[in-house]
């Protein structure tokens, strides 16, 4: 009986599988695959943990951002209130300054009026004295010069 090539190929295949089982190659393959699975599982667990940490950090940063936004709004509100207060104080100060300046100007005007009135009176007195002198000189041209001089002195002292 002559065996054909297919038979010997089948025998070689069976021997090959037998050697693989005898040498525990499938266990080594399964062990290698199991270690790969364990490594992948560890990587997945680590990725899950990192994701949870990232979410916690994100939540913390969101909270800090909200706090910063709230604080910024409070600062802006305080600045607006301070600006309004300073504006009101400036208005009051300006009104007080205007009142003081107005009063000072009115006092200067009153003083100038008083001074002008005094100057007009002095000038009027000088003109009256001069007119009286001229009048007396004309009327008294025939009388004694001493009497004229005395009358002029009397008028000058009485008018001032």
N, C-alpha and C. Protein backbone atom coordinates (compact mmCIF):
# COMPACT_ATOMS: atom_id res chain seq x y z
N UNK A 1 0.82 -1.14 0.00
CA UNK A 1 0.00 0.00 0.00
C UNK A 1 0.88 1.22 0.00
N UNK A 2 0.52 1.86 -0.84
CA UNK A 2 1.30 3.06 -1.05
C UNK A 2 0.48 4.24 -0.54
N UNK A 3 1.14 4.98 0.27
CA UNK A 3 0.46 6.12 0.85
C UNK A 3 0.79 7.36 0.02
N UNK A 4 -0.19 8.09 -0.17
CA UNK A 4 0.05 9.29 -0.99
C UNK A 4 0.52 10.45 -0.15
N UNK A 5 0.79 11.51 -0.80
CA UNK A 5 1.38 12.70 -0.14
C UNK A 5 0.41 13.35 0.82
N UNK A 6 -0.85 13.24 0.58
CA UNK A 6 -1.83 13.86 1.45
C UNK A 6 -1.80 13.21 2.82
N UNK A 7 -1.62 11.87 2.80
CA UNK A 7 -1.56 11.16 4.07
C UNK A 7 -0.38 11.62 4.88
N UNK A 8 0.78 11.73 4.26
CA UNK A 8 1.99 12.14 4.98
C UNK A 8 1.88 13.60 5.42
N UNK A 9 1.19 14.38 4.67
CA UNK A 9 0.99 15.78 5.07
C UNK A 9 0.08 15.82 6.31
N UNK A 10 -0.92 14.90 6.35
CA UNK A 10 -1.81 14.84 7.51
C UNK A 10 -1.05 14.36 8.73
N UNK A 11 -0.20 13.42 8.59
CA UNK A 11 0.60 12.88 9.69
C UNK A 11 1.53 13.98 10.20
N UNK A 12 2.16 14.69 9.30
CA UNK A 12 3.08 15.76 9.70
C UNK A 12 2.32 16.86 10.45
N UNK A 13 1.11 17.09 10.01
CA UNK A 13 0.31 18.12 10.67
C UNK A 13 -0.07 17.68 12.08
N UNK A 14 -0.43 16.45 12.24
CA UNK A 14 -0.81 15.93 13.55
C UNK A 14 0.40 15.95 14.47
N UNK A 15 1.55 15.58 13.97
CA UNK A 15 2.78 15.60 14.76
C UNK A 15 3.11 17.03 15.15
N UNK A 16 2.93 17.91 14.20
CA UNK A 16 3.22 19.32 14.48
C UNK A 16 2.33 19.84 15.60
N UNK A 17 1.02 19.53 15.51
CA UNK A 17 0.12 19.97 16.57
C UNK A 17 0.42 19.28 17.89
N UNK A 18 0.83 18.05 17.81
CA UNK A 18 1.21 17.32 19.02
C UNK A 18 2.41 17.96 19.69
N UNK A 19 3.41 18.33 18.89
CA UNK A 19 4.59 18.99 19.45
C UNK A 19 4.21 20.35 20.06
N UNK A 20 3.32 21.04 19.40
CA UNK A 20 2.90 22.32 19.93
C UNK A 20 2.23 22.14 21.30
N UNK A 21 1.40 21.14 21.42
CA UNK A 21 0.73 20.89 22.70
C UNK A 21 1.73 20.39 23.72
N UNK A 22 2.65 19.51 23.32
CA UNK A 22 3.65 18.98 24.23
C UNK A 22 4.55 20.09 24.76
N UNK A 23 4.92 21.01 23.93
CA UNK A 23 5.81 22.11 24.32
C UNK A 23 5.01 23.26 24.98
N UNK A 24 3.74 23.11 25.12
CA UNK A 24 2.84 24.07 25.77
C UNK A 24 2.87 25.44 25.08
N UNK A 25 2.96 25.42 23.80
CA UNK A 25 2.96 26.65 23.01
C UNK A 25 1.61 27.36 23.13
N UNK A 26 0.47 26.66 23.07
CA UNK A 26 -0.80 27.38 23.22
C UNK A 26 -0.90 28.08 24.57
N UNK A 27 -0.38 27.45 25.64
CA UNK A 27 -0.40 28.10 26.96
C UNK A 27 0.45 29.37 26.95
N UNK A 28 1.59 29.27 26.26
CA UNK A 28 2.46 30.45 26.18
C UNK A 28 1.77 31.55 25.37
N UNK A 29 1.10 31.17 24.31
CA UNK A 29 0.39 32.16 23.50
C UNK A 29 -0.74 32.77 24.32
N UNK A 30 -1.49 31.90 25.02
CA UNK A 30 -2.58 32.39 25.85
C UNK A 30 -2.02 33.26 26.97
N UNK A 31 -0.91 32.87 27.56
CA UNK A 31 -0.27 33.68 28.62
C UNK A 31 0.17 35.03 28.07
N UNK A 32 0.76 35.02 26.89
CA UNK A 32 1.16 36.28 26.27
C UNK A 32 -0.03 37.17 25.98
N UNK A 33 -1.10 36.52 25.47
CA UNK A 33 -2.33 37.29 25.21
C UNK A 33 -2.94 37.80 26.51
N UNK A 34 -2.91 36.95 27.55
CA UNK A 34 -3.44 37.39 28.85
C UNK A 34 -2.64 38.57 29.40
N UNK A 35 -1.32 38.52 29.27
CA UNK A 35 -0.52 39.64 29.76
C UNK A 35 -0.81 40.90 28.95
N UNK A 36 -1.03 40.72 27.63
CA UNK A 36 -1.41 41.87 26.80
C UNK A 36 -2.76 42.41 27.25
N UNK A 37 -3.70 41.50 27.53
CA UNK A 37 -5.03 41.93 27.98
C UNK A 37 -4.91 42.66 29.31
N UNK A 38 -4.09 42.11 30.23
CA UNK A 38 -3.90 42.76 31.53
C UNK A 38 -3.28 44.14 31.37
N UNK A 39 -2.30 44.25 30.47
CA UNK A 39 -1.66 45.55 30.24
C UNK A 39 -2.67 46.54 29.66
N UNK A 40 -3.48 46.07 28.71
CA UNK A 40 -4.50 46.93 28.10
C UNK A 40 -5.52 47.34 29.16
N UNK A 41 -5.91 46.37 30.02
CA UNK A 41 -6.87 46.69 31.08
C UNK A 41 -6.28 47.71 32.05
N UNK A 42 -4.98 47.56 32.39
CA UNK A 42 -4.32 48.52 33.27
C UNK A 42 -4.27 49.89 32.61
N UNK A 43 -3.98 49.90 31.31
CA UNK A 43 -3.96 51.17 30.59
C UNK A 43 -5.35 51.81 30.57
N UNK A 44 -6.39 51.00 30.38
CA UNK A 44 -7.75 51.52 30.40
C UNK A 44 -8.11 52.07 31.78
N UNK A 45 -7.72 51.32 32.83
CA UNK A 45 -7.98 51.80 34.20
C UNK A 45 -7.25 53.12 34.46
N UNK A 46 -6.00 53.18 34.02
CA UNK A 46 -5.22 54.41 34.20
C UNK A 46 -5.86 55.56 33.42
N UNK A 47 -6.31 55.28 32.20
CA UNK A 47 -6.96 56.31 31.39
C UNK A 47 -8.25 56.77 32.07
N UNK A 48 -8.99 55.82 32.65
CA UNK A 48 -10.22 56.17 33.36
C UNK A 48 -9.91 57.06 34.56
N UNK A 49 -8.86 56.69 35.30
CA UNK A 49 -8.45 57.49 36.46
C UNK A 49 -8.00 58.88 36.02
N UNK A 50 -7.21 58.97 34.95
CA UNK A 50 -6.76 60.27 34.44
C UNK A 50 -7.95 61.10 33.96
N UNK A 51 -8.94 60.44 33.36
CA UNK A 51 -10.13 61.15 32.91
C UNK A 51 -10.88 61.74 34.11
N UNK A 52 -11.02 60.94 35.17
CA UNK A 52 -11.70 61.42 36.37
C UNK A 52 -10.94 62.59 37.00
N UNK A 53 -9.61 62.48 37.03
CA UNK A 53 -8.79 63.59 37.55
C UNK A 53 -8.95 64.83 36.69
N UNK A 54 -8.98 64.63 35.37
CA UNK A 54 -9.15 65.77 34.46
C UNK A 54 -10.51 66.41 34.67
N UNK A 55 -11.55 65.60 34.87
CA UNK A 55 -12.87 66.15 35.11
C UNK A 55 -12.92 66.92 36.43
N UNK A 56 -12.21 66.38 37.45
CA UNK A 56 -12.16 67.08 38.73
C UNK A 56 -11.43 68.41 38.57
N UNK A 57 -10.31 68.39 37.83
CA UNK A 57 -9.58 69.64 37.58
C UNK A 57 -10.44 70.62 36.79
N UNK A 58 -11.17 70.11 35.81
CA UNK A 58 -12.04 70.98 35.01
C UNK A 58 -13.10 71.61 35.90
N UNK A 59 -13.70 70.81 36.78
CA UNK A 59 -14.72 71.34 37.69
C UNK A 59 -14.12 72.39 38.61
N UNK A 60 -12.90 72.13 39.10
CA UNK A 60 -12.24 73.10 39.98
C UNK A 60 -11.94 74.40 39.24
N UNK A 61 -11.44 74.28 38.01
CA UNK A 61 -11.14 75.48 37.24
C UNK A 61 -12.41 76.23 36.86
N UNK A 62 -13.50 75.52 36.61
CA UNK A 62 -14.78 76.18 36.36
C UNK A 62 -15.22 76.97 37.59
N UNK A 63 -15.08 76.36 38.76
CA UNK A 63 -15.45 77.03 40.00
C UNK A 63 -14.58 78.27 40.20
N UNK A 64 -13.27 78.11 39.96
CA UNK A 64 -12.36 79.26 40.12
C UNK A 64 -12.70 80.35 39.11
N UNK A 65 -13.06 79.96 37.88
CA UNK A 65 -13.43 80.95 36.86
C UNK A 65 -14.69 81.71 37.29
N UNK A 66 -15.65 80.96 37.82
CA UNK A 66 -16.88 81.61 38.28
C UNK A 66 -16.58 82.55 39.45
N UNK A 67 -15.71 82.12 40.35
CA UNK A 67 -15.33 83.00 41.47
C UNK A 67 -14.64 84.25 40.95
N UNK A 68 -13.73 84.07 39.98
CA UNK A 68 -13.02 85.23 39.42
C UNK A 68 -13.99 86.16 38.70
N UNK A 69 -14.95 85.59 37.99
CA UNK A 69 -15.95 86.41 37.31
C UNK A 69 -16.77 87.18 38.33
N UNK A 70 -17.18 86.48 39.38
CA UNK A 70 -17.95 87.14 40.44
C UNK A 70 -17.14 88.25 41.09
N UNK A 71 -15.88 87.96 41.38
CA UNK A 71 -15.01 88.97 42.00
C UNK A 71 -14.81 90.16 41.07
N UNK A 72 -14.64 89.88 39.79
CA UNK A 72 -14.47 90.97 38.82
C UNK A 72 -15.72 91.84 38.76
N UNK A 73 -16.89 91.20 38.81
CA UNK A 73 -18.14 91.97 38.81
C UNK A 73 -18.25 92.83 40.07
N UNK A 74 -17.83 92.27 41.21
CA UNK A 74 -17.86 93.04 42.45
C UNK A 74 -16.90 94.23 42.37
N UNK A 75 -15.72 94.01 41.79
CA UNK A 75 -14.74 95.10 41.64
C UNK A 75 -15.30 96.18 40.73
N UNK A 76 -15.93 95.75 39.64
CA UNK A 76 -16.51 96.72 38.70
C UNK A 76 -17.62 97.52 39.38
N UNK A 77 -18.47 96.82 40.14
CA UNK A 77 -19.56 97.51 40.84
C UNK A 77 -18.99 98.50 41.86
N UNK A 78 -17.96 98.07 42.61
CA UNK A 78 -17.35 98.96 43.60
C UNK A 78 -16.73 100.18 42.90
N UNK A 79 -16.10 99.95 41.76
CA UNK A 79 -15.49 101.06 41.02
C UNK A 79 -16.56 102.03 40.53
N UNK A 80 -17.69 101.49 40.07
CA UNK A 80 -18.79 102.37 39.63
C UNK A 80 -19.32 103.19 40.80
N UNK A 81 -19.50 102.54 41.94
CA UNK A 81 -19.99 103.26 43.11
C UNK A 81 -19.00 104.34 43.54
N UNK A 82 -17.71 104.01 43.51
CA UNK A 82 -16.68 104.99 43.88
C UNK A 82 -16.68 106.15 42.89
N UNK A 83 -16.82 105.84 41.59
CA UNK A 83 -16.86 106.90 40.58
C UNK A 83 -18.07 107.80 40.78
N UNK A 84 -19.22 107.20 41.09
CA UNK A 84 -20.42 108.00 41.34
C UNK A 84 -20.23 108.88 42.57
N UNK A 85 -19.65 108.31 43.63
CA UNK A 85 -19.43 109.08 44.85
C UNK A 85 -18.46 110.23 44.58
N UNK A 86 -17.37 109.94 43.87
CA UNK A 86 -16.40 111.00 43.55
C UNK A 86 -17.03 112.06 42.65
N UNK A 87 -17.90 111.63 41.75
CA UNK A 87 -18.58 112.58 40.87
C UNK A 87 -19.48 113.51 41.68
N UNK A 88 -20.21 112.94 42.63
CA UNK A 88 -21.07 113.76 43.49
C UNK A 88 -20.24 114.72 44.33
N UNK A 89 -19.12 114.22 44.88
CA UNK A 89 -18.25 115.09 45.68
C UNK A 89 -17.68 116.21 44.82
N UNK A 90 -17.33 115.88 43.57
CA UNK A 90 -16.79 116.90 42.67
C UNK A 90 -17.85 117.94 42.35
N UNK A 91 -19.10 117.51 42.16
CA UNK A 91 -20.18 118.45 41.88
C UNK A 91 -20.37 119.40 43.07
N UNK A 92 -20.37 118.82 44.27
CA UNK A 92 -20.55 119.64 45.47
C UNK A 92 -19.38 120.62 45.62
N UNK A 93 -18.16 120.11 45.42
CA UNK A 93 -16.98 120.98 45.53
C UNK A 93 -17.04 122.10 44.49
N UNK A 94 -17.46 121.75 43.28
CA UNK A 94 -17.55 122.75 42.22
C UNK A 94 -18.60 123.80 42.57
N UNK A 95 -19.73 123.38 43.10
CA UNK A 95 -20.77 124.33 43.49
C UNK A 95 -20.26 125.24 44.61
N UNK A 96 -19.54 124.66 45.58
CA UNK A 96 -18.99 125.48 46.66
C UNK A 96 -17.95 126.46 46.12
N UNK A 97 -17.11 126.00 45.20
CA UNK A 97 -16.10 126.88 44.59
C UNK A 97 -16.77 128.02 43.83
N UNK A 98 -17.81 127.67 43.06
CA UNK A 98 -18.52 128.71 42.31
C UNK A 98 -19.14 129.72 43.27
N UNK A 99 -19.73 129.23 44.37
CA UNK A 99 -20.34 130.14 45.35
C UNK A 99 -19.28 131.05 45.96
N UNK A 100 -18.12 130.47 46.33
CA UNK A 100 -17.05 131.31 46.92
C UNK A 100 -16.55 132.33 45.92
N UNK A 101 -16.33 131.91 44.69
CA UNK A 101 -15.83 132.84 43.68
C UNK A 101 -16.86 133.93 43.38
N UNK A 102 -18.12 133.54 43.32
CA UNK A 102 -19.18 134.53 43.08
C UNK A 102 -19.21 135.54 44.20
N UNK A 103 -19.12 135.07 45.43
CA UNK A 103 -19.12 135.97 46.58
C UNK A 103 -17.90 136.89 46.53
N UNK A 104 -16.72 136.33 46.19
CA UNK A 104 -15.51 137.15 46.12
C UNK A 104 -15.65 138.22 45.03
N UNK A 105 -16.20 137.83 43.88
CA UNK A 105 -16.39 138.80 42.81
C UNK A 105 -17.39 139.87 43.22
N UNK A 106 -18.47 139.45 43.89
CA UNK A 106 -19.45 140.44 44.35
C UNK A 106 -18.83 141.40 45.35
N UNK A 107 -17.98 140.87 46.24
CA UNK A 107 -17.30 141.73 47.21
C UNK A 107 -16.37 142.71 46.51
N UNK A 108 -15.66 142.21 45.47
CA UNK A 108 -14.77 143.11 44.72
C UNK A 108 -15.56 144.18 44.00
N UNK A 109 -16.71 143.78 43.45
CA UNK A 109 -17.57 144.77 42.77
C UNK A 109 -18.06 145.81 43.77
N UNK A 110 -18.51 145.36 44.93
CA UNK A 110 -19.00 146.29 45.96
C UNK A 110 -17.87 147.22 46.40
N UNK A 111 -16.68 146.67 46.57
CA UNK A 111 -15.53 147.48 46.97
C UNK A 111 -15.19 148.50 45.89
N UNK A 112 -15.26 148.06 44.62
CA UNK A 112 -14.98 148.98 43.52
C UNK A 112 -16.04 150.08 43.46
N UNK A 113 -17.30 149.71 43.72
CA UNK A 113 -18.36 150.73 43.74
C UNK A 113 -18.12 151.74 44.86
N UNK A 114 -17.75 151.21 46.04
CA UNK A 114 -17.48 152.10 47.17
C UNK A 114 -16.32 153.04 46.85
N UNK A 115 -15.28 152.46 46.26
CA UNK A 115 -14.11 153.27 45.90
C UNK A 115 -14.48 154.29 44.83
N UNK A 116 -15.31 153.90 43.86
CA UNK A 116 -15.71 154.83 42.81
C UNK A 116 -16.56 155.97 43.40
N UNK A 117 -17.45 155.61 44.32
CA UNK A 117 -18.28 156.64 44.96
C UNK A 117 -17.39 157.61 45.75
N UNK A 118 -16.39 157.08 46.48
CA UNK A 118 -15.48 157.93 47.24
C UNK A 118 -14.70 158.85 46.31
N UNK A 119 -14.25 158.30 45.16
CA UNK A 119 -13.50 159.12 44.21
C UNK A 119 -14.40 160.20 43.62
N UNK A 120 -15.66 159.84 43.30
CA UNK A 120 -16.59 160.84 42.75
C UNK A 120 -16.85 161.93 43.79
N UNK A 121 -17.02 161.52 45.05
CA UNK A 121 -17.25 162.53 46.10
C UNK A 121 -16.04 163.45 46.26
N UNK A 122 -14.85 162.83 46.24
CA UNK A 122 -13.64 163.65 46.38
C UNK A 122 -13.51 164.60 45.20
N UNK A 123 -13.77 164.09 44.01
CA UNK A 123 -13.67 164.95 42.82
C UNK A 123 -14.75 166.04 42.86
N UNK A 124 -15.95 165.65 43.34
CA UNK A 124 -17.03 166.64 43.47
C UNK A 124 -16.64 167.73 44.46
N UNK A 125 -16.03 167.30 45.56
CA UNK A 125 -15.60 168.29 46.56
C UNK A 125 -14.55 169.21 45.96
N UNK A 126 -13.60 168.63 45.20
CA UNK A 126 -12.57 169.48 44.57
C UNK A 126 -13.20 170.46 43.59
N UNK A 127 -14.16 169.97 42.79
CA UNK A 127 -14.83 170.85 41.82
C UNK A 127 -15.62 171.93 42.55
N UNK A 128 -16.30 171.56 43.65
CA UNK A 128 -17.08 172.54 44.41
C UNK A 128 -16.16 173.59 45.02
N UNK A 129 -15.02 173.12 45.54
CA UNK A 129 -14.07 174.07 46.11
C UNK A 129 -13.57 175.01 45.02
N UNK A 130 -13.23 174.44 43.88
CA UNK A 130 -12.73 175.27 42.78
C UNK A 130 -13.80 176.25 42.32
N UNK A 131 -15.06 175.79 42.25
CA UNK A 131 -16.16 176.67 41.83
C UNK A 131 -16.38 177.76 42.89
N UNK A 132 -16.32 177.36 44.16
CA UNK A 132 -16.50 178.36 45.22
C UNK A 132 -15.37 179.36 45.18
N UNK A 133 -14.17 178.90 44.93
CA UNK A 133 -13.03 179.81 44.85
C UNK A 133 -13.23 180.81 43.72
N UNK A 134 -13.64 180.27 42.54
CA UNK A 134 -13.86 181.18 41.42
C UNK A 134 -14.98 182.18 41.73
N UNK A 135 -16.05 181.68 42.31
CA UNK A 135 -17.18 182.54 42.64
C UNK A 135 -16.78 183.60 43.67
N UNK A 136 -16.09 183.14 44.70
CA UNK A 136 -15.67 184.08 45.73
C UNK A 136 -14.66 185.08 45.17
N UNK A 137 -13.82 184.61 44.29
CA UNK A 137 -12.84 185.51 43.71
C UNK A 137 -13.54 186.60 42.91
N UNK A 138 -14.55 186.24 42.18
CA UNK A 138 -15.27 187.23 41.38
C UNK A 138 -16.05 188.19 42.28
N UNK A 139 -16.73 187.67 43.29
CA UNK A 139 -17.54 188.51 44.15
C UNK A 139 -16.69 189.33 45.11
N UNK A 140 -15.60 188.82 45.46
CA UNK A 140 -14.82 189.49 46.48
C UNK A 140 -13.60 190.20 45.89
N UNK A 141 -13.58 190.43 44.67
CA UNK A 141 -12.42 191.07 44.07
C UNK A 141 -12.15 192.44 44.69
N UNK A 142 -13.15 193.02 45.24
CA UNK A 142 -12.95 194.32 45.83
C UNK A 142 -12.58 194.24 47.29
N UNK A 143 -12.81 193.12 47.90
CA UNK A 143 -12.52 193.01 49.33
C UNK A 143 -11.11 192.57 49.54
N UNK A 144 -10.80 192.51 50.72
CA UNK A 144 -9.45 192.22 51.15
C UNK A 144 -9.06 190.78 50.80
N UNK A 145 -7.82 190.58 50.41
CA UNK A 145 -7.29 189.25 50.06
C UNK A 145 -7.24 188.32 51.27
N UNK A 146 -7.07 188.85 52.44
CA UNK A 146 -7.03 188.00 53.63
C UNK A 146 -8.38 187.36 53.89
N UNK A 147 -9.42 188.11 53.69
CA UNK A 147 -10.76 187.59 53.91
C UNK A 147 -11.06 186.46 52.91
N UNK A 148 -10.62 186.56 51.68
CA UNK A 148 -10.82 185.54 50.64
C UNK A 148 -10.06 184.28 51.00
N UNK A 149 -8.84 184.45 51.40
CA UNK A 149 -8.02 183.29 51.74
C UNK A 149 -8.64 182.54 52.91
N UNK A 150 -9.16 183.30 53.89
CA UNK A 150 -9.78 182.68 55.06
C UNK A 150 -11.04 181.94 54.66
N UNK A 151 -11.85 182.52 53.80
CA UNK A 151 -13.09 181.88 53.37
C UNK A 151 -12.80 180.61 52.57
N UNK A 152 -11.79 180.64 51.76
CA UNK A 152 -11.42 179.46 50.95
C UNK A 152 -10.97 178.33 51.85
N UNK A 153 -10.21 178.65 52.88
CA UNK A 153 -9.76 177.63 53.83
C UNK A 153 -10.94 177.02 54.57
N UNK A 154 -11.90 177.89 54.96
CA UNK A 154 -13.08 177.40 55.66
C UNK A 154 -13.92 176.48 54.81
N UNK A 155 -14.09 176.83 53.56
CA UNK A 155 -14.87 176.00 52.65
C UNK A 155 -14.16 174.68 52.42
N UNK A 156 -12.86 174.70 52.21
CA UNK A 156 -12.07 173.48 51.97
C UNK A 156 -12.14 172.51 53.13
N UNK A 157 -12.05 173.00 54.35
CA UNK A 157 -12.10 172.12 55.53
C UNK A 157 -13.50 171.60 55.76
N UNK A 158 -14.54 172.37 55.46
CA UNK A 158 -15.91 171.94 55.71
C UNK A 158 -16.36 170.90 54.66
N UNK A 159 -15.87 170.99 53.44
CA UNK A 159 -16.29 170.06 52.39
C UNK A 159 -15.58 168.70 52.49
N UNK A 160 -14.40 168.68 52.97
CA UNK A 160 -13.67 167.41 53.09
C UNK A 160 -14.12 166.75 54.35
